[in-house]
Amino acid sequence: TYGEGCKDCPNGFYRGGKDSNTECTQCKLGRTTAEKGATSCSGCDIGKYGNKKGHCTHCIAGQYQDSKGEIVCKECDVDKYLTEKGRSSKADCKSCSNDRSTGIQTGAATEDACLCKRNEFYQSILDDGDVCKKCPEGALCSTDGITIPQLAAKPGYWRNNSNTDIFIDCASAFLSQGSTATKLAAKRCCPEIKNATTNITESICLNITSNNSNSQCAEGYQGLLCAGCADDHVFFNKDFLLSKMN
């Protein structure tokens, strides 16, 4: 205030410059006033940031600010989350459990962002609730939080339908075992091809949406373990195939 009849400058403004007798000056970005009628500005407090001139607001969930006078908040790191707003320390960010990850996401605001880690686990939501289970042998757990229908067989493996976590080594369908059978199986079941869009070599079984098991087979093969329609010189273990059908 200044003299009789003057009014207090509102919050976010101060009177103290060369025109202090007649005008209120707005605080700069990242600064505000503690009360009306202030003669100077101060930096936004910890846990807050300057979202516009003369105004400070709380950091949102997933973010914090441990310094004063800042214009942006800091995000919690990967594999961390923070459910409360207005927090002032990196230590306020909570860690995901060892079997879970936020992937590349920073600034997670809920624990739901912590998903079962790719390559190591898949997310079971059927009988066991929201728990992480070890990635089955022969399966590709290619993304965080992947569920059973989204699993894919590795090259050389096959599964009967998208609701099972049992993946069968196609090499076991051959009478002759060893490296030869393994190589043939990898060419027949979920073989790797180059993606025309990304130019990356990957299994044809990634991102399969059909429940038809034949979609896991290379061209020219079909049926259990992609064993049908094979070349004449390839001999299959018929007893093994019959046991899988029973």
Protein backbone atom coordinates (compact mmCIF):
# COMPACT_ATOMS: atom_id res chain seq x y z
CA THR A 1 0.00 0.00 0.00
CA TYR A 2 1.05 3.59 -0.45
CA GLY A 3 -0.74 6.56 1.04
CA GLU A 4 -4.38 7.00 1.92
CA GLY A 5 -6.92 5.36 -0.37
CA CYS A 6 -4.42 2.95 -1.92
CA LYS A 7 -5.27 -0.70 -2.28
CA ASP A 8 -3.03 -3.70 -1.63
CA CYS A 9 -1.43 -5.28 -4.67
CA PRO A 10 -3.00 -8.73 -5.20
CA ASN A 11 -1.15 -11.99 -4.71
CA GLY A 12 1.46 -12.48 -7.40
CA PHE A 13 2.06 -8.74 -7.72
CA TYR A 14 4.26 -6.36 -5.74
CA ARG A 15 4.89 -2.64 -5.41
CA GLY A 16 8.53 -1.69 -5.20
CA GLY A 17 9.80 -0.64 -8.63
CA LYS A 18 10.34 2.81 -10.13
CA ASP A 19 6.59 3.15 -10.62
CA SER A 20 5.82 1.87 -7.13
CA ASN A 21 3.69 4.89 -6.30
CA THR A 22 1.13 4.09 -8.97
CA GLU A 23 1.48 0.52 -10.29
CA CYS A 24 1.72 -3.07 -9.11
CA THR A 25 4.30 -5.24 -10.87
CA GLN A 26 3.61 -8.89 -11.61
CA CYS A 27 6.14 -11.39 -10.28
CA LYS A 28 8.22 -13.24 -12.83
CA LEU A 29 7.64 -16.87 -13.77
CA GLY A 30 8.63 -19.10 -10.85
CA ARG A 31 8.04 -16.37 -8.28
CA THR A 32 5.05 -15.11 -6.26
CA THR A 33 4.14 -13.27 -3.08
CA ALA A 34 3.22 -14.69 0.30
CA GLU A 35 0.40 -12.18 0.83
CA LYS A 36 -1.32 -9.15 -0.62
CA GLY A 37 0.44 -5.81 -0.47
CA ALA A 38 3.92 -7.32 -0.78
CA THR A 39 6.92 -5.19 -1.69
CA SER A 40 8.89 -8.08 -3.25
CA CYS A 41 8.49 -11.56 -4.73
CA SER A 42 9.97 -14.85 -3.60
CA GLY A 43 10.61 -18.13 -5.42
CA CYS A 44 7.92 -20.80 -5.54
CA ASP A 45 8.29 -23.12 -2.56
CA ILE A 46 9.56 -26.70 -2.78
CA GLY A 47 6.86 -29.09 -3.96
CA LYS A 48 5.58 -26.38 -6.30
CA TYR A 49 6.49 -24.76 -9.61
CA GLY A 50 5.63 -21.57 -11.47
CA ASN A 51 3.03 -22.46 -14.08
CA LYS A 52 2.43 -18.80 -14.93
CA LYS A 53 3.77 -15.41 -13.86
CA GLY A 54 3.14 -14.63 -10.20
CA HIS A 55 1.49 -17.98 -9.52
CA CYS A 56 2.78 -21.25 -8.05
CA THR A 57 1.02 -24.61 -8.14
CA HIS A 58 1.66 -28.04 -6.66
CA CYS A 59 3.60 -30.61 -8.66
CA ILE A 60 1.27 -33.29 -9.98
CA ALA A 61 1.41 -36.96 -8.95
CA GLY A 62 4.48 -38.66 -10.42
CA GLN A 63 6.54 -35.48 -10.08
CA TYR A 64 8.33 -33.57 -7.31
CA GLN A 65 10.36 -30.39 -6.82
CA ASP A 66 13.17 -30.10 -4.27
CA SER A 67 14.27 -26.59 -5.23
CA LYS A 68 12.66 -23.16 -4.92
CA GLY A 69 11.79 -20.83 -7.78
CA GLU A 70 11.53 -23.52 -10.47
CA ILE A 71 9.21 -23.42 -13.48
CA VAL A 72 8.92 -27.19 -14.02
CA CYS A 73 8.76 -30.20 -11.71
CA LYS A 74 11.07 -33.22 -11.82
CA GLU A 75 9.74 -36.65 -12.79
CA CYS A 76 10.22 -39.82 -10.78
CA ASP A 77 12.72 -42.15 -12.44
CA VAL A 78 11.97 -45.32 -14.41
CA ASP A 79 10.63 -48.10 -12.15
CA LYS A 80 9.37 -45.51 -9.65
CA TYR A 81 5.94 -44.00 -9.01
CA LEU A 82 4.40 -41.28 -6.83
CA THR A 83 0.68 -41.09 -6.07
CA GLU A 84 0.63 -37.78 -4.16
CA LYS A 85 0.90 -34.24 -5.51
CA GLY A 86 3.02 -31.45 -4.09
CA ARG A 87 5.94 -33.66 -3.03
CA SER A 88 9.34 -32.09 -2.42
CA SER A 89 11.87 -34.91 -2.56
CA LYS A 90 13.07 -37.61 -4.95
CA ALA A 91 12.88 -39.94 -1.96
CA ASP A 92 9.09 -39.58 -2.05
CA CYS A 93 9.05 -41.68 -5.23
CA LYS A 94 8.29 -45.33 -4.45
CA SER A 95 9.96 -48.30 -6.14
CA CYS A 96 8.22 -51.01 -8.17
CA SER A 97 8.73 -54.54 -6.86
CA ASN A 98 11.70 -56.50 -8.24
CA ASP A 99 9.58 -58.39 -10.76
CA ARG A 100 7.98 -55.25 -12.17
CA SER A 101 9.01 -52.26 -14.27
CA THR A 102 7.60 -49.06 -15.75
CA GLY A 103 9.57 -49.80 -18.93
CA ILE A 104 10.76 -46.50 -20.37
CA GLN A 105 8.06 -44.48 -18.61
CA THR A 106 9.12 -41.82 -16.11
CA GLY A 107 6.79 -39.79 -13.92
CA ALA A 108 4.44 -42.68 -13.16
CA ALA A 109 1.53 -41.56 -10.99
CA THR A 110 0.18 -44.95 -9.85
CA GLU A 111 1.50 -48.37 -8.91
CA ASP A 112 -0.48 -49.73 -11.87
CA ALA A 113 2.33 -48.42 -14.08
CA CYS A 114 4.57 -51.14 -12.61
CA LEU A 115 4.07 -54.07 -14.97
CA CYS A 116 5.60 -57.56 -15.00
CA LYS A 117 9.05 -57.22 -16.56
CA ARG A 118 9.42 -58.15 -20.21
CA ASN A 119 11.48 -61.22 -21.15
CA GLU A 120 11.35 -62.54 -17.56
CA PHE A 121 7.67 -62.63 -16.59
CA TYR A 122 4.12 -62.46 -17.86
CA GLN A 123 1.08 -61.02 -16.11
CA SER A 124 -1.43 -63.57 -14.90
CA ILE A 125 -4.92 -62.08 -14.58
CA LEU A 126 -6.99 -65.26 -14.86
CA ASP A 127 -6.87 -67.52 -11.79
CA ASP A 128 -4.16 -65.88 -9.70
CA GLY A 129 -5.15 -62.25 -9.88
CA ASP A 130 -2.63 -59.61 -10.87
CA VAL A 131 0.63 -61.51 -10.29
CA CYS A 132 3.84 -61.97 -12.22
CA LYS A 133 4.66 -65.50 -13.37
CA LYS A 134 7.91 -66.72 -14.90
CA CYS A 135 7.98 -66.57 -18.67
CA PRO A 136 7.32 -70.12 -19.93
CA GLU A 137 10.11 -72.03 -21.66
CA GLY A 138 9.81 -71.51 -25.40
CA ALA A 139 7.76 -68.33 -25.06
CA LEU A 140 8.48 -64.73 -25.99
CA CYS A 141 7.46 -62.36 -23.19
CA SER A 142 8.24 -59.42 -25.43
CA THR A 143 6.60 -56.50 -23.61
CA ASP A 144 6.05 -55.38 -20.02
CA GLY A 145 2.76 -56.59 -18.58
CA ILE A 146 2.14 -59.13 -21.34
CA THR A 147 -0.67 -61.62 -20.67
CA ILE A 148 -1.14 -65.25 -21.82
CA PRO A 149 -3.10 -64.44 -25.03
CA GLN A 150 -0.32 -62.04 -26.06
CA LEU A 151 2.54 -64.52 -25.56
CA ALA A 152 4.26 -65.78 -28.68
CA ALA A 153 6.31 -68.89 -29.34
CA LYS A 154 10.02 -68.54 -29.93
CA PRO A 155 11.38 -69.73 -33.28
CA GLY A 156 11.28 -73.54 -33.22
CA TYR A 157 8.41 -73.69 -30.71
CA TRP A 158 4.62 -74.06 -31.06
CA ARG A 159 1.54 -73.93 -28.84
CA ASN A 160 -1.90 -75.35 -29.36
CA ASN A 161 -3.90 -72.18 -28.65
CA SER A 162 -3.57 -68.69 -27.21
CA ASN A 163 -4.95 -69.64 -23.80
CA THR A 164 -2.21 -72.08 -22.79
CA ASP A 165 1.23 -71.38 -21.34
CA ILE A 166 2.62 -74.68 -22.64
CA PHE A 167 5.04 -74.27 -25.55
CA ILE A 168 6.36 -77.38 -27.31
CA ASP A 169 9.75 -77.72 -28.98
CA CYS A 170 9.02 -78.62 -32.60
CA ALA A 171 12.37 -80.43 -32.84
CA SER A 172 10.84 -83.21 -30.74
CA ALA A 173 8.64 -84.14 -33.72
CA PHE A 174 11.64 -85.48 -35.63
CA LEU A 175 12.93 -89.04 -35.33
CA SER A 176 16.48 -87.73 -35.54
CA GLN A 177 17.34 -85.30 -32.75
CA GLY A 178 20.18 -82.82 -32.28
CA SER A 179 21.23 -79.65 -34.09
CA THR A 180 19.71 -80.72 -37.41
CA ALA A 181 16.26 -81.16 -35.89
CA THR A 182 16.61 -77.84 -34.05
CA LYS A 183 17.49 -75.97 -37.25
CA LEU A 184 14.62 -77.56 -39.17
CA ALA A 185 12.19 -76.77 -36.37
CA ALA A 186 13.28 -73.12 -36.30
CA LYS A 187 12.54 -72.85 -40.02
CA ARG A 188 9.16 -74.54 -39.68
CA CYS A 189 7.68 -73.25 -36.40
CA CYS A 190 7.51 -69.47 -35.85
CA PRO A 191 10.42 -68.79 -38.21
CA GLU A 192 12.15 -65.42 -38.18
CA ILE A 193 11.64 -63.05 -41.11
CA LYS A 194 12.58 -59.42 -41.75
CA ASN A 195 9.85 -56.92 -40.99
CA ALA A 196 9.36 -54.81 -44.11
CA THR A 197 8.39 -51.76 -42.05
CA THR A 198 11.06 -51.78 -39.33
CA ASN A 199 13.71 -53.78 -41.24
CA ILE A 200 14.14 -55.85 -38.05
CA THR A 201 14.32 -59.64 -38.11
CA GLU A 202 11.67 -61.09 -35.82
CA SER A 203 9.46 -64.15 -35.33
CA ILE A 204 6.30 -64.38 -37.44
CA CYS A 205 4.49 -65.32 -34.23
CA LEU A 206 4.86 -61.87 -32.67
CA ASN A 207 1.55 -59.99 -32.60
CA ILE A 208 -0.51 -62.95 -33.83
CA THR A 209 -4.19 -62.17 -33.26
CA SER A 210 -5.66 -65.42 -34.58
CA ASN A 211 -6.20 -68.45 -32.32
CA ASN A 212 -5.50 -70.71 -35.33
CA SER A 213 -2.35 -72.69 -34.48
CA ASN A 214 -1.49 -72.96 -38.19
CA SER A 215 -0.66 -69.24 -38.19
CA GLN A 216 2.55 -70.17 -36.34
CA CYS A 217 3.78 -72.30 -39.25
CA ALA A 218 6.02 -71.37 -42.13
CA GLU A 219 4.46 -71.46 -45.57
CA GLY A 220 3.93 -75.08 -46.62
CA TYR A 221 3.43 -76.45 -43.10
CA GLN A 222 0.40 -76.92 -40.88
CA GLY A 223 -1.08 -78.94 -38.05
CA LEU A 224 0.38 -80.12 -34.75
CA LEU A 225 3.92 -78.76 -34.38
CA CYS A 226 3.59 -77.55 -37.98
CA ALA A 227 4.38 -81.14 -39.00
CA GLY A 228 1.94 -81.44 -41.87
CA CYS A 229 2.78 -81.06 -45.57
CA ALA A 230 6.53 -81.61 -45.01
CA ASP A 231 9.05 -82.56 -47.69
CA ASP A 232 9.35 -86.31 -48.44
CA HIS A 233 12.86 -86.56 -46.99
CA VAL A 234 11.82 -85.30 -43.56
CA PHE A 235 10.70 -88.07 -41.18
CA PHE A 236 8.54 -87.27 -38.16
CA ASN A 237 8.15 -89.10 -34.90
CA LYS A 238 4.55 -90.27 -35.41
CA ASP A 239 4.27 -91.83 -31.95
CA PHE A 240 5.23 -88.50 -30.37
CA LEU A 241 2.69 -86.60 -32.45
CA LEU A 242 -0.09 -89.03 -31.57
CA SER A 243 0.75 -88.70 -27.86
CA LYS A 244 0.33 -84.92 -28.13
CA MET A 245 -3.07 -85.33 -29.74
CA ASN A 246 -4.37 -87.59 -26.98
